Structure formats: C-alpha cells, structure tokens
Amino acid sequence: MDPSSSPAPTLPPGDLYTTPGYHSVNGREWFTQCEPYSQTMRCTTDIWATQVVFEGGAYVHKHGWHFNNLTYLPLMTRQAWVGNPLGVTGTWTSSEGRTWRTECDTPATGRNGCRSYIWSKVVQAEPLGHGRYDYQQRWEWVFNNLVRFKA
C-alpha cells in the first residue's frame, strides 16, 4: 500500500510509530509500514509535510510524504543489540561518512530504549509575507530512529 495525498485515518490510532497504516494525530497525517529486519521488526513512519530543499540553485518547497523516523520493535533484548551502534550510547561515523549519535535510557528514550540522531544540514524557511521567505541553512542533530528493547 502506497501513501496518497488523501489518507484515510486508522482508528484507533494506537502508537502511530508501530501500528501499520494511516493515522491522523494532532492535526497531522502519518503513514507507517513495518517489515522484518534481522531478528526484529522495523517500522518506517512518514509524515505529510512540506520539506524545503536546495535544488537547481533555488530553494523549493516540496509538499508530500516525507520520512519521519524508524522504530525497531521490542523483539530483541539489549544483549542481542551488542555490536550494533543503534543499541548503545555513543557516537560514530557511518561508512557513508555521516556522523551519528545514540543515547539510551535517558528521559528522551525512556527505559529500555535508544534514540539515534544524524548530524545533518537542514533548511529553515522564515516567512517574510507576500509568499516570500528567508532561508537559513544550519547543521543540527536530526532524529532518525528509536530502538525498543525486549524486557
């Protein structure tokens, strides 16, 4: 099933990051699909939003489905994640040269979980009125995924 521009919300929404289908939560539209991954399940959640990108020498507002995050379901113990940087606190550089940071068991993750972020260049668009914007690029940590451990 592919997301469309007019999603039908899934009722009840449950945890929108782990329940497959369309969700309408807090005025936003979400679409989640889950698939087997290693010894667990991985859910990909997209959000209907506007993303600003620099393309062809200009900033472009792209409206549609955009990646929000990945969630790894709690089917593996913490011990089973040993050796995978998504399951332990620390920073590392991927084979693609991107810098990652993972934090585990913090107020942001809760117990038995880790959140990973990628150091990324983002674009912020400030409206100036009359359809004009001021664009700023900056580097920041962008949330990518959540690992939930089996208790």
N, C-alpha and C. Protein backbone atom coordinates (compact mmCIF):
# COMPACT_ATOMS: atom_id res chain seq x y z
N MET A 1 0.85 -1.17 0.00
CA MET A 1 0.00 0.00 0.00
C MET A 1 0.89 1.24 0.00
N ASP A 2 0.68 2.14 -0.93
CA ASP A 2 1.46 3.37 -1.01
C ASP A 2 0.67 4.52 -0.42
N PRO A 3 1.38 5.45 0.27
CA PRO A 3 0.68 6.61 0.80
C PRO A 3 0.12 7.45 -0.35
N SER A 4 -0.99 8.10 -0.08
CA SER A 4 -1.57 9.01 -1.05
C SER A 4 -1.73 10.38 -0.40
N SER A 5 -2.14 11.36 -1.18
CA SER A 5 -2.28 12.70 -0.63
C SER A 5 -3.55 12.86 0.19
N SER A 6 -4.44 11.87 0.18
CA SER A 6 -5.66 11.97 0.97
C SER A 6 -5.82 10.70 1.80
N PRO A 7 -5.03 10.58 2.89
CA PRO A 7 -5.05 9.35 3.69
C PRO A 7 -6.36 9.18 4.45
N ALA A 8 -6.75 7.94 4.63
CA ALA A 8 -7.88 7.61 5.49
C ALA A 8 -7.32 7.20 6.83
N PRO A 9 -7.62 7.93 7.91
CA PRO A 9 -7.03 7.62 9.21
C PRO A 9 -7.38 6.22 9.69
N THR A 10 -6.45 5.60 10.40
CA THR A 10 -6.66 4.32 11.04
C THR A 10 -7.24 4.59 12.42
N LEU A 11 -8.33 3.94 12.77
CA LEU A 11 -8.95 4.15 14.09
C LEU A 11 -8.99 2.84 14.82
N PRO A 12 -8.63 2.76 16.09
CA PRO A 12 -7.97 3.84 16.82
C PRO A 12 -6.51 3.92 16.41
N PRO A 13 -5.88 5.11 16.55
CA PRO A 13 -4.52 5.27 16.05
C PRO A 13 -3.46 4.47 16.78
N GLY A 14 -3.64 4.16 18.08
CA GLY A 14 -2.63 3.43 18.81
C GLY A 14 -1.31 4.17 18.78
N ASP A 15 -0.20 3.44 18.80
CA ASP A 15 1.12 4.03 18.68
C ASP A 15 1.40 4.19 17.19
N LEU A 16 1.34 5.40 16.70
CA LEU A 16 1.45 5.62 15.26
C LEU A 16 2.79 5.19 14.70
N TYR A 17 3.81 5.04 15.54
CA TYR A 17 5.13 4.64 15.06
C TYR A 17 5.28 3.12 14.91
N THR A 18 4.33 2.35 15.47
CA THR A 18 4.45 0.89 15.42
C THR A 18 3.20 0.21 14.89
N THR A 19 2.16 0.97 14.60
CA THR A 19 0.91 0.42 14.07
C THR A 19 0.83 0.73 12.58
N PRO A 20 0.91 -0.30 11.72
CA PRO A 20 0.87 -0.04 10.28
C PRO A 20 -0.43 0.64 9.86
N GLY A 21 -0.31 1.50 8.85
CA GLY A 21 -1.47 2.15 8.27
C GLY A 21 -1.40 3.66 8.38
N TYR A 22 -2.53 4.27 8.04
CA TYR A 22 -2.65 5.73 8.08
C TYR A 22 -3.13 6.16 9.45
N HIS A 23 -2.65 7.30 9.91
CA HIS A 23 -3.04 7.84 11.21
C HIS A 23 -3.22 9.35 11.07
N SER A 24 -4.24 9.86 11.73
CA SER A 24 -4.44 11.30 11.82
C SER A 24 -4.34 11.64 13.30
N VAL A 25 -3.24 12.30 13.69
CA VAL A 25 -2.97 12.58 15.10
C VAL A 25 -2.55 14.04 15.24
N ASN A 26 -3.21 14.75 16.14
CA ASN A 26 -2.88 16.15 16.41
C ASN A 26 -2.85 17.00 15.15
N GLY A 27 -3.79 16.75 14.25
CA GLY A 27 -3.90 17.54 13.03
C GLY A 27 -2.87 17.21 11.96
N ARG A 28 -2.08 16.16 12.17
CA ARG A 28 -1.07 15.75 11.19
C ARG A 28 -1.43 14.38 10.64
N GLU A 29 -0.99 14.10 9.41
CA GLU A 29 -1.24 12.81 8.77
C GLU A 29 0.06 12.01 8.74
N TRP A 30 -0.04 10.74 9.10
CA TRP A 30 1.11 9.84 9.21
C TRP A 30 0.81 8.54 8.47
N PHE A 31 1.87 7.88 8.00
CA PHE A 31 1.73 6.57 7.37
C PHE A 31 2.88 5.69 7.85
N THR A 32 2.54 4.52 8.41
CA THR A 32 3.54 3.61 8.95
C THR A 32 3.44 2.25 8.26
N GLN A 33 4.61 1.70 7.90
CA GLN A 33 4.69 0.33 7.39
C GLN A 33 5.80 -0.38 8.14
N CYS A 34 5.55 -1.66 8.45
CA CYS A 34 6.52 -2.45 9.22
C CYS A 34 6.96 -3.66 8.39
N GLU A 35 8.21 -4.07 8.60
CA GLU A 35 8.76 -5.20 7.86
C GLU A 35 9.78 -5.92 8.74
N PRO A 36 10.02 -7.21 8.46
CA PRO A 36 11.05 -7.93 9.21
C PRO A 36 12.41 -7.27 8.99
N TYR A 37 13.20 -7.23 10.06
CA TYR A 37 14.55 -6.68 9.99
C TYR A 37 15.40 -7.47 10.98
N SER A 38 16.37 -8.22 10.50
CA SER A 38 17.22 -9.05 11.34
C SER A 38 16.31 -9.95 12.18
N GLN A 39 16.42 -9.87 13.52
CA GLN A 39 15.60 -10.70 14.40
C GLN A 39 14.42 -9.92 14.98
N THR A 40 14.12 -8.76 14.42
CA THR A 40 13.04 -7.93 14.94
C THR A 40 12.17 -7.44 13.79
N MET A 41 11.34 -6.46 14.07
CA MET A 41 10.53 -5.78 13.06
C MET A 41 10.94 -4.32 13.08
N ARG A 42 11.01 -3.71 11.89
CA ARG A 42 11.35 -2.29 11.78
C ARG A 42 10.18 -1.58 11.10
N CYS A 43 9.71 -0.51 11.75
CA CYS A 43 8.61 0.26 11.20
C CYS A 43 9.13 1.61 10.70
N THR A 44 8.72 1.97 9.50
CA THR A 44 9.07 3.25 8.90
C THR A 44 7.84 4.13 8.94
N THR A 45 7.99 5.33 9.51
CA THR A 45 6.87 6.27 9.58
C THR A 45 7.19 7.49 8.73
N ASP A 46 6.26 7.81 7.83
CA ASP A 46 6.34 9.01 7.01
C ASP A 46 5.28 9.99 7.50
N ILE A 47 5.50 11.28 7.24
CA ILE A 47 4.56 12.32 7.62
C ILE A 47 4.24 13.17 6.40
N TRP A 48 2.97 13.60 6.28
CA TRP A 48 2.57 14.51 5.21
C TRP A 48 3.01 15.90 5.65
N ALA A 49 3.94 16.49 4.91
CA ALA A 49 4.53 17.74 5.36
C ALA A 49 5.13 18.49 4.17
N THR A 50 5.66 19.65 4.47
CA THR A 50 6.40 20.44 3.49
C THR A 50 7.87 20.40 3.88
N GLN A 51 8.71 20.03 2.95
CA GLN A 51 10.14 19.99 3.17
C GLN A 51 10.79 20.98 2.21
N VAL A 52 11.71 21.78 2.73
CA VAL A 52 12.41 22.76 1.90
C VAL A 52 13.77 22.18 1.53
N VAL A 53 14.07 22.17 0.23
CA VAL A 53 15.35 21.66 -0.25
C VAL A 53 15.97 22.68 -1.19
N PHE A 54 17.30 22.63 -1.31
CA PHE A 54 18.00 23.48 -2.26
C PHE A 54 18.21 22.66 -3.51
N GLU A 55 17.58 23.06 -4.60
CA GLU A 55 17.56 22.25 -5.82
C GLU A 55 17.67 23.17 -7.03
N GLY A 56 18.60 22.88 -7.90
CA GLY A 56 18.75 23.67 -9.12
C GLY A 56 19.06 25.14 -8.85
N GLY A 57 19.80 25.39 -7.77
CA GLY A 57 20.19 26.76 -7.45
C GLY A 57 19.13 27.58 -6.74
N ALA A 58 18.04 26.93 -6.32
CA ALA A 58 16.97 27.67 -5.63
C ALA A 58 16.36 26.80 -4.53
N TYR A 59 15.74 27.44 -3.56
CA TYR A 59 15.02 26.72 -2.52
C TYR A 59 13.64 26.34 -3.04
N VAL A 60 13.26 25.08 -2.83
CA VAL A 60 12.00 24.56 -3.33
C VAL A 60 11.22 23.96 -2.16
N HIS A 61 9.93 24.28 -2.07
CA HIS A 61 9.05 23.71 -1.06
C HIS A 61 8.39 22.47 -1.66
N LYS A 62 8.69 21.30 -1.07
CA LYS A 62 8.13 20.04 -1.57
C LYS A 62 7.07 19.55 -0.60
N HIS A 63 5.82 19.48 -1.08
CA HIS A 63 4.70 19.02 -0.27
C HIS A 63 4.45 17.55 -0.57
N GLY A 64 4.32 16.74 0.47
CA GLY A 64 4.05 15.32 0.25
C GLY A 64 4.48 14.49 1.43
N TRP A 65 4.63 13.20 1.18
CA TRP A 65 5.06 12.27 2.22
C TRP A 65 6.58 12.35 2.36
N HIS A 66 7.03 12.54 3.59
CA HIS A 66 8.46 12.62 3.87
C HIS A 66 8.79 11.70 5.05
N PHE A 67 9.99 11.14 5.01
CA PHE A 67 10.46 10.27 6.09
C PHE A 67 10.41 11.01 7.42
N ASN A 68 9.88 10.34 8.45
CA ASN A 68 9.89 10.89 9.80
C ASN A 68 10.88 10.13 10.68
N ASN A 69 10.71 8.81 10.81
CA ASN A 69 11.64 8.03 11.62
C ASN A 69 11.44 6.53 11.44
N LEU A 70 12.40 5.77 11.97
CA LEU A 70 12.32 4.31 12.05
C LEU A 70 12.12 3.92 13.51
N THR A 71 11.35 2.86 13.74
CA THR A 71 11.19 2.32 15.09
C THR A 71 11.44 0.82 15.01
N TYR A 72 12.38 0.35 15.84
CA TYR A 72 12.68 -1.07 15.93
C TYR A 72 11.88 -1.62 17.11
N LEU A 73 11.01 -2.60 16.85
CA LEU A 73 10.10 -3.11 17.86
C LEU A 73 10.85 -3.90 18.93
N PRO A 74 10.26 -4.00 20.13
CA PRO A 74 10.93 -4.67 21.26
C PRO A 74 10.86 -6.19 21.19
N LEU A 75 11.48 -6.75 20.16
CA LEU A 75 11.50 -8.21 19.99
C LEU A 75 12.88 -8.78 20.29
N MET A 76 13.88 -7.91 20.51
CA MET A 76 15.25 -8.34 20.81
C MET A 76 15.68 -7.73 22.15
N THR A 77 16.45 -8.49 22.91
CA THR A 77 16.97 -7.97 24.17
C THR A 77 18.10 -6.98 23.90
N ARG A 78 18.44 -6.23 24.92
CA ARG A 78 19.58 -5.30 24.81
C ARG A 78 20.84 -6.08 24.43
N GLN A 79 21.03 -7.24 25.02
CA GLN A 79 22.21 -8.06 24.74
C GLN A 79 22.28 -8.44 23.26
N ALA A 80 21.13 -8.67 22.63
CA ALA A 80 21.11 -9.04 21.22
C ALA A 80 21.55 -7.88 20.32
N TRP A 81 21.50 -6.64 20.83
CA TRP A 81 21.91 -5.46 20.06
C TRP A 81 23.40 -5.16 20.23
N VAL A 82 24.11 -5.92 21.07
CA VAL A 82 25.54 -5.68 21.27
C VAL A 82 26.25 -5.74 19.92
N GLY A 83 27.11 -4.76 19.67
CA GLY A 83 27.82 -4.69 18.40
C GLY A 83 27.14 -3.81 17.38
N ASN A 84 25.88 -3.43 17.63
CA ASN A 84 25.16 -2.53 16.73
C ASN A 84 25.12 -1.15 17.39
N PRO A 85 25.69 -0.12 16.76
CA PRO A 85 25.75 1.20 17.40
C PRO A 85 24.39 1.84 17.64
N LEU A 86 23.32 1.31 17.04
CA LEU A 86 21.98 1.85 17.32
C LEU A 86 21.47 1.42 18.68
N GLY A 87 22.15 0.44 19.32
CA GLY A 87 21.68 -0.09 20.58
C GLY A 87 22.57 0.21 21.77
N VAL A 88 23.46 1.21 21.64
CA VAL A 88 24.35 1.55 22.75
C VAL A 88 24.69 3.04 22.67
N THR A 89 24.82 3.69 23.82
CA THR A 89 25.16 5.11 23.85
C THR A 89 26.53 5.36 23.23
N GLY A 90 26.62 6.36 22.36
CA GLY A 90 27.90 6.71 21.76
C GLY A 90 27.73 7.47 20.46
N THR A 91 28.86 7.84 19.85
CA THR A 91 28.85 8.49 18.54
C THR A 91 29.72 7.66 17.60
N TRP A 92 29.45 7.74 16.32
CA TRP A 92 30.24 7.02 15.33
C TRP A 92 30.04 7.66 13.98
N THR A 93 30.90 7.28 13.05
CA THR A 93 30.79 7.74 11.67
C THR A 93 30.47 6.53 10.80
N SER A 94 29.42 6.63 10.00
CA SER A 94 28.99 5.52 9.15
C SER A 94 29.95 5.37 7.97
N SER A 95 29.79 4.28 7.24
CA SER A 95 30.64 4.04 6.07
C SER A 95 30.40 5.09 4.98
N GLU A 96 29.26 5.79 5.04
CA GLU A 96 28.97 6.88 4.09
C GLU A 96 29.56 8.20 4.55
N GLY A 97 30.22 8.20 5.73
CA GLY A 97 30.85 9.42 6.24
C GLY A 97 29.94 10.30 7.07
N ARG A 98 28.76 9.82 7.42
CA ARG A 98 27.82 10.61 8.23
C ARG A 98 28.07 10.35 9.71
N THR A 99 27.93 11.41 10.51
CA THR A 99 28.14 11.31 11.96
C THR A 99 26.81 11.02 12.65
N TRP A 100 26.83 10.01 13.50
CA TRP A 100 25.65 9.58 14.25
C TRP A 100 25.90 9.72 15.74
N ARG A 101 24.80 9.86 16.49
CA ARG A 101 24.85 9.88 17.96
C ARG A 101 23.68 9.06 18.48
N THR A 102 23.95 8.17 19.42
CA THR A 102 22.89 7.36 20.04
C THR A 102 22.90 7.61 21.54
N GLU A 103 21.70 7.75 22.11
CA GLU A 103 21.54 7.87 23.56
C GLU A 103 20.54 6.82 24.02
N CYS A 104 20.85 6.20 25.15
CA CYS A 104 20.00 5.13 25.67
C CYS A 104 19.60 5.42 27.12
N ASP A 105 18.39 5.01 27.47
CA ASP A 105 17.88 5.11 28.84
C ASP A 105 17.94 6.52 29.40
N THR A 106 17.58 7.50 28.60
CA THR A 106 17.53 8.90 29.02
C THR A 106 16.06 9.30 29.15
N PRO A 107 15.79 10.51 29.66
CA PRO A 107 14.39 10.96 29.68
C PRO A 107 13.77 10.98 28.28
N ALA A 108 14.56 11.24 27.24
CA ALA A 108 14.02 11.26 25.87
C ALA A 108 13.67 9.86 25.38
N THR A 109 14.43 8.85 25.80
CA THR A 109 14.21 7.49 25.30
C THR A 109 13.32 6.67 26.21
N GLY A 110 13.32 7.00 27.50
CA GLY A 110 12.67 6.14 28.47
C GLY A 110 13.56 4.93 28.74
N ARG A 111 13.09 4.07 29.65
CA ARG A 111 13.87 2.87 29.95
C ARG A 111 13.75 1.87 28.82
N ASN A 112 14.79 1.08 28.66
CA ASN A 112 14.82 0.03 27.64
C ASN A 112 14.68 0.55 26.22
N GLY A 113 15.34 1.68 25.95
CA GLY A 113 15.29 2.21 24.60
C GLY A 113 16.47 3.09 24.26
N CYS A 114 16.71 3.27 22.98
CA CYS A 114 17.77 4.15 22.48
C CYS A 114 17.19 4.98 21.33
N ARG A 115 17.67 6.21 21.23
CA ARG A 115 17.32 7.09 20.11
C ARG A 115 18.61 7.44 19.39
N SER A 116 18.59 7.43 18.06
CA SER A 116 19.76 7.80 17.27
C SER A 116 19.44 9.02 16.42
N TYR A 117 20.47 9.86 16.28
CA TYR A 117 20.37 11.11 15.54
C TYR A 117 21.50 11.17 14.52
N ILE A 118 21.26 11.86 13.40
CA ILE A 118 22.29 12.06 12.38
C ILE A 118 22.61 13.55 12.32
N TRP A 119 23.91 13.89 12.28
CA TRP A 119 24.34 15.28 12.12
C TRP A 119 24.06 15.67 10.68
N SER A 120 23.11 16.59 10.47
CA SER A 120 22.61 16.89 9.13
C SER A 120 22.47 18.39 8.90
N LYS A 121 22.61 18.77 7.65
CA LYS A 121 22.34 20.15 7.26
C LYS A 121 20.84 20.28 7.00
N VAL A 122 20.21 21.26 7.66
CA VAL A 122 18.78 21.48 7.49
C VAL A 122 18.55 22.90 6.98
N VAL A 123 17.38 23.11 6.39
CA VAL A 123 17.00 24.42 5.88
C VAL A 123 15.79 24.90 6.68
N GLN A 124 15.87 26.11 7.18
CA GLN A 124 14.74 26.72 7.87
C GLN A 124 14.22 27.85 6.99
N ALA A 125 12.90 27.87 6.78
CA ALA A 125 12.25 28.89 5.95
C ALA A 125 11.43 29.80 6.86
N GLU A 126 11.80 31.08 6.93
CA GLU A 126 11.05 32.07 7.72
C GLU A 126 10.19 32.90 6.78
N PRO A 127 8.86 32.87 6.95
CA PRO A 127 8.01 33.67 6.07
C PRO A 127 8.23 35.17 6.26
N LEU A 128 8.34 35.87 5.14
CA LEU A 128 8.51 37.33 5.16
C LEU A 128 7.22 38.03 4.73
N GLY A 129 6.24 37.28 4.28
CA GLY A 129 4.99 37.85 3.78
C GLY A 129 4.98 37.88 2.27
N HIS A 130 3.78 37.94 1.71
CA HIS A 130 3.59 38.02 0.26
C HIS A 130 4.26 36.85 -0.47
N GLY A 131 4.27 35.67 0.19
CA GLY A 131 4.83 34.48 -0.45
C GLY A 131 6.34 34.42 -0.49
N ARG A 132 7.00 35.34 0.21
CA ARG A 132 8.47 35.36 0.22
C ARG A 132 8.99 34.74 1.52
N TYR A 133 10.20 34.19 1.45
CA TYR A 133 10.81 33.54 2.61
C TYR A 133 12.27 33.94 2.73
N ASP A 134 12.76 33.89 3.95
CA ASP A 134 14.19 33.99 4.21
C ASP A 134 14.65 32.59 4.57
N TYR A 135 15.69 32.09 3.92
CA TYR A 135 16.16 30.73 4.13
C TYR A 135 17.50 30.74 4.85
N GLN A 136 17.61 29.87 5.83
CA GLN A 136 18.86 29.70 6.57
C GLN A 136 19.21 28.22 6.58
N GLN A 137 20.48 27.91 6.30
CA GLN A 137 20.96 26.54 6.42
C GLN A 137 21.80 26.45 7.68
N ARG A 138 21.65 25.32 8.38
CA ARG A 138 22.47 25.10 9.57
C ARG A 138 22.60 23.59 9.80
N TRP A 139 23.62 23.23 10.57
CA TRP A 139 23.84 21.84 10.94
C TRP A 139 23.20 21.59 12.29
N GLU A 140 22.53 20.44 12.42
CA GLU A 140 21.94 20.07 13.71
C GLU A 140 21.73 18.56 13.76
N TRP A 141 21.51 18.07 14.98
CA TRP A 141 21.20 16.65 15.15
C TRP A 141 19.74 16.43 14.77
N VAL A 142 19.51 15.49 13.85
CA VAL A 142 18.16 15.17 13.37
C VAL A 142 17.82 13.74 13.81
N PHE A 143 16.70 13.61 14.51
CA PHE A 143 16.24 12.30 14.98
C PHE A 143 16.03 11.37 13.80
N ASN A 144 16.53 10.12 13.92
CA ASN A 144 16.39 9.14 12.85
C ASN A 144 15.62 7.91 13.29
N ASN A 145 15.98 7.34 14.46
CA ASN A 145 15.35 6.08 14.83
C ASN A 145 15.29 5.85 16.33
N LEU A 146 14.40 4.93 16.68
CA LEU A 146 14.19 4.52 18.07
C LEU A 146 14.31 3.00 18.13
N VAL A 147 15.13 2.51 19.05
CA VAL A 147 15.24 1.08 19.31
C VAL A 147 14.57 0.81 20.65
N ARG A 148 13.63 -0.11 20.65
CA ARG A 148 12.97 -0.52 21.90
C ARG A 148 13.43 -1.94 22.21
N PHE A 149 13.95 -2.13 23.43
CA PHE A 149 14.47 -3.45 23.82
C PHE A 149 13.37 -4.31 24.44
N LYS A 150 13.49 -5.61 24.21
CA LYS A 150 12.61 -6.58 24.87
C LYS A 150 12.97 -6.60 26.35
N ALA A 151 11.96 -6.57 27.21
CA ALA A 151 12.21 -6.54 28.67
C ALA A 151 12.69 -7.89 29.16
